[in-house]
Amino acid sequence: MAINVNVKIYSKMSANELTKEFTAEDGKLDTGSLNACAAALSAALFQKAVSLLPQQDSERTLWLIRNGEILRAYFVHMIDDDPKARKGYLKELAEGNEDNAEAAMHPACAINEEVINMLHQMLELLVEVKNALPEESRHYAVESAQLALGAIKSARSWLLNLTSHSLDETYRFVVRRENELTMESVMKLYEEIVDG
């Protein structure tokens, strides 16, 4: 006899359903899923900006088009990956296994770390895209950067909060310092896109 397993696919939900799931008392979503959603929206704006570049048939523009779609789809996929990444950590916490929870903390951070890293790379591309856009279309690059910065800051806040509970002082320091360095780079890129 087949067993009917009901698996929620969060990335297929409407915005209304996704946000309700996040706020539901028994919901499985956390900030990482919403950061991934914001990152996907930022990547969609990146794609819009790229679609307005002159010379749409140039090798570089075609490369940007392909990579914009890869990024958008990747972020959408991460909406579902965040609950899986945190599952082991939450289980160990619930069972009171402090040492196991410490080990499970690293994968629990994976999606928020990936949001930061991939959006950082996208901002590097956005500098190039914005500078090549006609003046009247540059606002799409700016808006993409603004959404990206929000998702990066939110992901960073979540990471720093979670890792502040780590028993490993070196790990806490490394996460904090890596994030400081990344934010310095992110802010330079953001300012170049928004104010440049």
Foldseek 3Di string as FASTA:
>chain_A
DDDDDDDDLLLPDDPVVNVCLAPDPPRLFDLLLVLLVLLLVLLVLQLVLLVQFPPCPDPVSVVSNVVSVVRNVVSSNRSVVLSVLCVQLVVCVVVVPQVSNLVSLVSNLVSLVVLLVVLLVVLVVLLVSLVRGDPVSLVSSLVSLVSSVVSNVSSLVVSLVSCVPHPDPVVNVVSVVVSVVSVVSSVVSNCSSNVD
